[in-house]
Amino acid sequence: MAKESMKAREVKRAKLVAKYAAKRAQLLKDGDYVGLQALPKNASPVRLHNRCKVTGRPKGYMRVFGLSRIQFREMASKGLIPGVKKASW
């Protein structure tokens, strides 16, 4: 499990990105790079990092499911993910 503070930091960044998205798009369109630099660093979408919805793990993230590889495997084995089943031969 990731620390709660790390999860909260990512949520805070996501809110900041959403808040400044329109302003950032307008500044980019106008070519105002000085104005872009005046925005907060965390308002940049590049600074977002995907995390597992269950554990908060930052690595091994599967975008389609929103889970880390470990949680995906556990949930798929238990049959908790619709349309996914373990292959065996």
N, C-alpha and C. Protein backbone atom coordinates (compact mmCIF):
# COMPACT_ATOMS: atom_id res chain seq x y z
N MET A 1 0.82 -1.18 0.00
CA MET A 1 0.00 0.00 0.00
C MET A 1 0.87 1.25 0.00
N ALA A 2 0.45 2.19 -0.79
CA ALA A 2 1.15 3.47 -0.83
C ALA A 2 0.75 4.30 0.40
N LYS A 3 1.62 5.22 0.77
CA LYS A 3 1.29 6.09 1.89
C LYS A 3 0.09 6.96 1.50
N GLU A 4 -0.73 7.24 2.48
CA GLU A 4 -1.92 8.05 2.23
C GLU A 4 -1.54 9.45 1.74
N SER A 5 -0.41 9.94 2.21
CA SER A 5 0.02 11.27 1.79
C SER A 5 0.36 11.30 0.29
N MET A 6 0.91 10.20 -0.22
CA MET A 6 1.24 10.13 -1.65
C MET A 6 -0.04 10.09 -2.49
N LYS A 7 -1.01 9.32 -2.03
CA LYS A 7 -2.30 9.26 -2.74
C LYS A 7 -2.97 10.63 -2.75
N ALA A 8 -2.93 11.29 -1.59
CA ALA A 8 -3.55 12.61 -1.47
C ALA A 8 -2.85 13.62 -2.36
N ARG A 9 -1.54 13.52 -2.48
CA ARG A 9 -0.77 14.44 -3.31
C ARG A 9 -1.16 14.30 -4.78
N GLU A 10 -1.38 13.06 -5.21
CA GLU A 10 -1.79 12.82 -6.60
C GLU A 10 -3.18 13.38 -6.86
N VAL A 11 -4.08 13.23 -5.91
CA VAL A 11 -5.44 13.76 -6.05
C VAL A 11 -5.40 15.28 -6.13
N LYS A 12 -4.56 15.88 -5.29
CA LYS A 12 -4.41 17.33 -5.29
C LYS A 12 -3.87 17.82 -6.63
N ARG A 13 -2.89 17.11 -7.17
CA ARG A 13 -2.33 17.48 -8.48
C ARG A 13 -3.39 17.38 -9.56
N ALA A 14 -4.19 16.31 -9.53
CA ALA A 14 -5.23 16.12 -10.54
C ALA A 14 -6.24 17.27 -10.52
N LYS A 15 -6.60 17.71 -9.32
CA LYS A 15 -7.54 18.83 -9.19
C LYS A 15 -6.92 20.11 -9.75
N LEU A 16 -5.64 20.33 -9.48
CA LEU A 16 -4.95 21.52 -9.96
C LEU A 16 -4.84 21.52 -11.48
N VAL A 17 -4.58 20.36 -12.05
CA VAL A 17 -4.50 20.24 -13.52
C VAL A 17 -5.85 20.58 -14.14
N ALA A 18 -6.92 20.05 -13.54
CA ALA A 18 -8.27 20.32 -14.07
C ALA A 18 -8.62 21.80 -13.94
N LYS A 19 -8.20 22.42 -12.83
CA LYS A 19 -8.51 23.83 -12.59
C LYS A 19 -7.86 24.74 -13.63
N TYR A 20 -6.61 24.45 -13.99
CA TYR A 20 -5.87 25.31 -14.90
C TYR A 20 -5.87 24.82 -16.35
N ALA A 21 -6.62 23.79 -16.68
CA ALA A 21 -6.59 23.23 -18.03
C ALA A 21 -7.00 24.25 -19.09
N ALA A 22 -8.08 24.96 -18.87
CA ALA A 22 -8.56 25.93 -19.87
C ALA A 22 -7.58 27.08 -20.02
N LYS A 23 -7.07 27.58 -18.90
CA LYS A 23 -6.12 28.68 -18.95
C LYS A 23 -4.83 28.26 -19.65
N ARG A 24 -4.36 27.05 -19.35
CA ARG A 24 -3.15 26.52 -19.97
C ARG A 24 -3.34 26.39 -21.49
N ALA A 25 -4.50 25.88 -21.91
CA ALA A 25 -4.76 25.72 -23.34
C ALA A 25 -4.77 27.08 -24.05
N GLN A 26 -5.37 28.06 -23.41
CA GLN A 26 -5.41 29.40 -24.01
C GLN A 26 -4.01 30.01 -24.12
N LEU A 27 -3.21 29.86 -23.08
CA LEU A 27 -1.84 30.40 -23.10
C LEU A 27 -1.00 29.70 -24.16
N LEU A 28 -1.18 28.40 -24.31
CA LEU A 28 -0.45 27.66 -25.34
C LEU A 28 -0.85 28.12 -26.73
N LYS A 29 -2.16 28.34 -26.90
CA LYS A 29 -2.67 28.78 -28.21
C LYS A 29 -2.11 30.16 -28.58
N ASP A 30 -2.01 31.04 -27.58
CA ASP A 30 -1.49 32.38 -27.81
C ASP A 30 0.04 32.43 -27.88
N GLY A 31 0.68 31.35 -27.45
CA GLY A 31 2.15 31.32 -27.44
C GLY A 31 2.76 32.13 -26.31
N ASP A 32 2.01 32.34 -25.25
CA ASP A 32 2.47 33.13 -24.11
C ASP A 32 3.21 32.21 -23.12
N TYR A 33 4.51 32.03 -23.35
CA TYR A 33 5.29 31.11 -22.52
C TYR A 33 5.65 31.71 -21.17
N VAL A 34 5.69 33.02 -21.09
CA VAL A 34 5.93 33.68 -19.80
C VAL A 34 4.72 33.44 -18.90
N GLY A 35 3.52 33.53 -19.47
CA GLY A 35 2.31 33.27 -18.71
C GLY A 35 2.23 31.81 -18.26
N LEU A 36 2.71 30.90 -19.11
CA LEU A 36 2.72 29.49 -18.74
C LEU A 36 3.65 29.24 -17.55
N GLN A 37 4.78 29.92 -17.55
CA GLN A 37 5.72 29.74 -16.44
C GLN A 37 5.18 30.29 -15.14
N ALA A 38 4.24 31.21 -15.22
CA ALA A 38 3.66 31.79 -14.02
C ALA A 38 2.67 30.84 -13.34
N LEU A 39 2.17 29.84 -14.09
CA LEU A 39 1.25 28.86 -13.51
C LEU A 39 2.00 27.97 -12.52
N PRO A 40 1.28 27.38 -11.56
CA PRO A 40 1.94 26.47 -10.61
C PRO A 40 2.53 25.26 -11.33
N LYS A 41 3.63 24.74 -10.81
CA LYS A 41 4.29 23.58 -11.42
C LYS A 41 3.35 22.38 -11.50
N ASN A 42 2.61 22.17 -10.42
CA ASN A 42 1.73 21.00 -10.37
C ASN A 42 0.49 21.14 -11.25
N ALA A 43 0.33 22.27 -11.92
CA ALA A 43 -0.79 22.44 -12.84
C ALA A 43 -0.49 21.82 -14.20
N SER A 44 0.73 21.35 -14.38
CA SER A 44 1.11 20.72 -15.64
C SER A 44 0.67 19.26 -15.65
N PRO A 45 -0.02 18.82 -16.71
CA PRO A 45 -0.49 17.43 -16.76
C PRO A 45 0.65 16.41 -16.82
N VAL A 46 1.84 16.84 -17.17
CA VAL A 46 2.98 15.93 -17.24
C VAL A 46 3.36 15.42 -15.85
N ARG A 47 3.05 16.20 -14.84
CA ARG A 47 3.44 15.83 -13.48
C ARG A 47 2.50 14.81 -12.83
N LEU A 48 1.40 14.48 -13.50
CA LEU A 48 0.49 13.45 -12.97
C LEU A 48 1.12 12.08 -13.14
N HIS A 49 0.83 11.19 -12.20
CA HIS A 49 1.34 9.84 -12.28
C HIS A 49 0.18 8.88 -11.99
N ASN A 50 -0.01 7.89 -12.85
CA ASN A 50 -1.10 6.95 -12.65
C ASN A 50 -0.81 6.07 -11.43
N ARG A 51 -1.84 5.81 -10.65
CA ARG A 51 -1.71 4.94 -9.48
C ARG A 51 -2.86 3.94 -9.44
N CYS A 52 -2.59 2.79 -8.87
CA CYS A 52 -3.59 1.74 -8.70
C CYS A 52 -4.74 2.28 -7.85
N LYS A 53 -5.97 2.02 -8.27
CA LYS A 53 -7.14 2.51 -7.53
C LYS A 53 -7.29 1.82 -6.17
N VAL A 54 -6.79 0.58 -6.06
CA VAL A 54 -6.96 -0.19 -4.83
C VAL A 54 -5.84 0.08 -3.84
N THR A 55 -4.60 -0.05 -4.30
CA THR A 55 -3.45 0.03 -3.39
C THR A 55 -2.68 1.34 -3.48
N GLY A 56 -2.80 2.06 -4.58
CA GLY A 56 -2.04 3.28 -4.76
C GLY A 56 -0.65 3.04 -5.32
N ARG A 57 -0.36 1.81 -5.72
CA ARG A 57 0.96 1.47 -6.26
C ARG A 57 1.20 2.24 -7.56
N PRO A 58 2.37 2.92 -7.68
CA PRO A 58 2.63 3.74 -8.87
C PRO A 58 3.21 2.97 -10.05
N LYS A 59 3.79 1.81 -9.80
CA LYS A 59 4.44 1.07 -10.88
C LYS A 59 3.62 -0.14 -11.28
N GLY A 60 3.79 -0.60 -12.49
CA GLY A 60 3.05 -1.76 -12.98
C GLY A 60 1.58 -1.46 -13.16
N TYR A 61 1.26 -0.24 -13.59
CA TYR A 61 -0.12 0.21 -13.71
C TYR A 61 -0.70 -0.21 -15.06
N MET A 62 -1.88 -0.79 -15.05
CA MET A 62 -2.58 -1.18 -16.28
C MET A 62 -3.69 -0.17 -16.51
N ARG A 63 -3.51 0.65 -17.55
CA ARG A 63 -4.40 1.77 -17.82
C ARG A 63 -5.85 1.34 -18.06
N VAL A 64 -6.03 0.25 -18.78
CA VAL A 64 -7.39 -0.20 -19.14
C VAL A 64 -8.23 -0.51 -17.90
N PHE A 65 -7.58 -1.05 -16.88
CA PHE A 65 -8.32 -1.47 -15.68
C PHE A 65 -8.14 -0.53 -14.50
N GLY A 66 -7.12 0.32 -14.54
CA GLY A 66 -6.87 1.23 -13.43
C GLY A 66 -6.28 0.54 -12.22
N LEU A 67 -5.63 -0.60 -12.45
CA LEU A 67 -5.07 -1.40 -11.36
C LEU A 67 -3.60 -1.69 -11.62
N SER A 68 -2.88 -2.02 -10.54
CA SER A 68 -1.51 -2.47 -10.71
C SER A 68 -1.55 -3.93 -11.18
N ARG A 69 -0.43 -4.40 -11.69
CA ARG A 69 -0.37 -5.77 -12.22
C ARG A 69 -0.68 -6.80 -11.14
N ILE A 70 -0.27 -6.51 -9.91
CA ILE A 70 -0.48 -7.45 -8.81
C ILE A 70 -1.97 -7.56 -8.47
N GLN A 71 -2.63 -6.42 -8.31
CA GLN A 71 -4.07 -6.42 -8.01
C GLN A 71 -4.87 -7.00 -9.16
N PHE A 72 -4.43 -6.70 -10.39
CA PHE A 72 -5.12 -7.23 -11.56
C PHE A 72 -5.10 -8.76 -11.53
N ARG A 73 -3.94 -9.33 -11.25
CA ARG A 73 -3.80 -10.79 -11.23
C ARG A 73 -4.66 -11.41 -10.13
N GLU A 74 -4.63 -10.82 -8.94
CA GLU A 74 -5.43 -11.34 -7.83
C GLU A 74 -6.92 -11.27 -8.14
N MET A 75 -7.37 -10.12 -8.65
CA MET A 75 -8.80 -9.94 -8.93
C MET A 75 -9.25 -10.81 -10.10
N ALA A 76 -8.39 -10.98 -11.09
CA ALA A 76 -8.74 -11.82 -12.24
C ALA A 76 -8.85 -13.28 -11.81
N SER A 77 -7.96 -13.71 -10.93
CA SER A 77 -8.00 -15.10 -10.45
C SER A 77 -9.27 -15.38 -9.65
N LYS A 78 -9.74 -14.38 -8.92
CA LYS A 78 -10.96 -14.52 -8.12
C LYS A 78 -12.22 -14.31 -8.95
N GLY A 79 -12.05 -13.87 -10.21
CA GLY A 79 -13.19 -13.63 -11.08
C GLY A 79 -13.90 -12.33 -10.81
N LEU A 80 -13.19 -11.34 -10.27
CA LEU A 80 -13.81 -10.06 -9.92
C LEU A 80 -13.80 -9.05 -11.06
N ILE A 81 -13.06 -9.35 -12.13
CA ILE A 81 -13.00 -8.44 -13.27
C ILE A 81 -13.81 -9.06 -14.41
N PRO A 82 -14.91 -8.42 -14.82
CA PRO A 82 -15.75 -8.99 -15.87
C PRO A 82 -14.99 -9.11 -17.20
N GLY A 83 -15.18 -10.25 -17.85
CA GLY A 83 -14.57 -10.46 -19.16
C GLY A 83 -13.15 -10.94 -19.13
N VAL A 84 -12.58 -11.13 -17.95
CA VAL A 84 -11.20 -11.57 -17.86
C VAL A 84 -11.18 -12.92 -17.13
N LYS A 85 -10.48 -13.87 -17.74
CA LYS A 85 -10.30 -15.14 -17.04
C LYS A 85 -8.88 -15.63 -17.26
N LYS A 86 -8.41 -16.43 -16.34
CA LYS A 86 -7.04 -16.90 -16.39
C LYS A 86 -6.91 -17.93 -17.51
N ALA A 87 -5.91 -17.74 -18.33
CA ALA A 87 -5.66 -18.69 -19.41
C ALA A 87 -4.92 -19.89 -18.84
N SER A 88 -5.32 -21.07 -19.23
CA SER A 88 -4.61 -22.29 -18.80
C SER A 88 -4.67 -23.31 -19.92
N TRP A 89 -3.62 -24.05 -20.08
CA TRP A 89 -3.58 -25.07 -21.13
C TRP A 89 -2.78 -26.26 -20.68
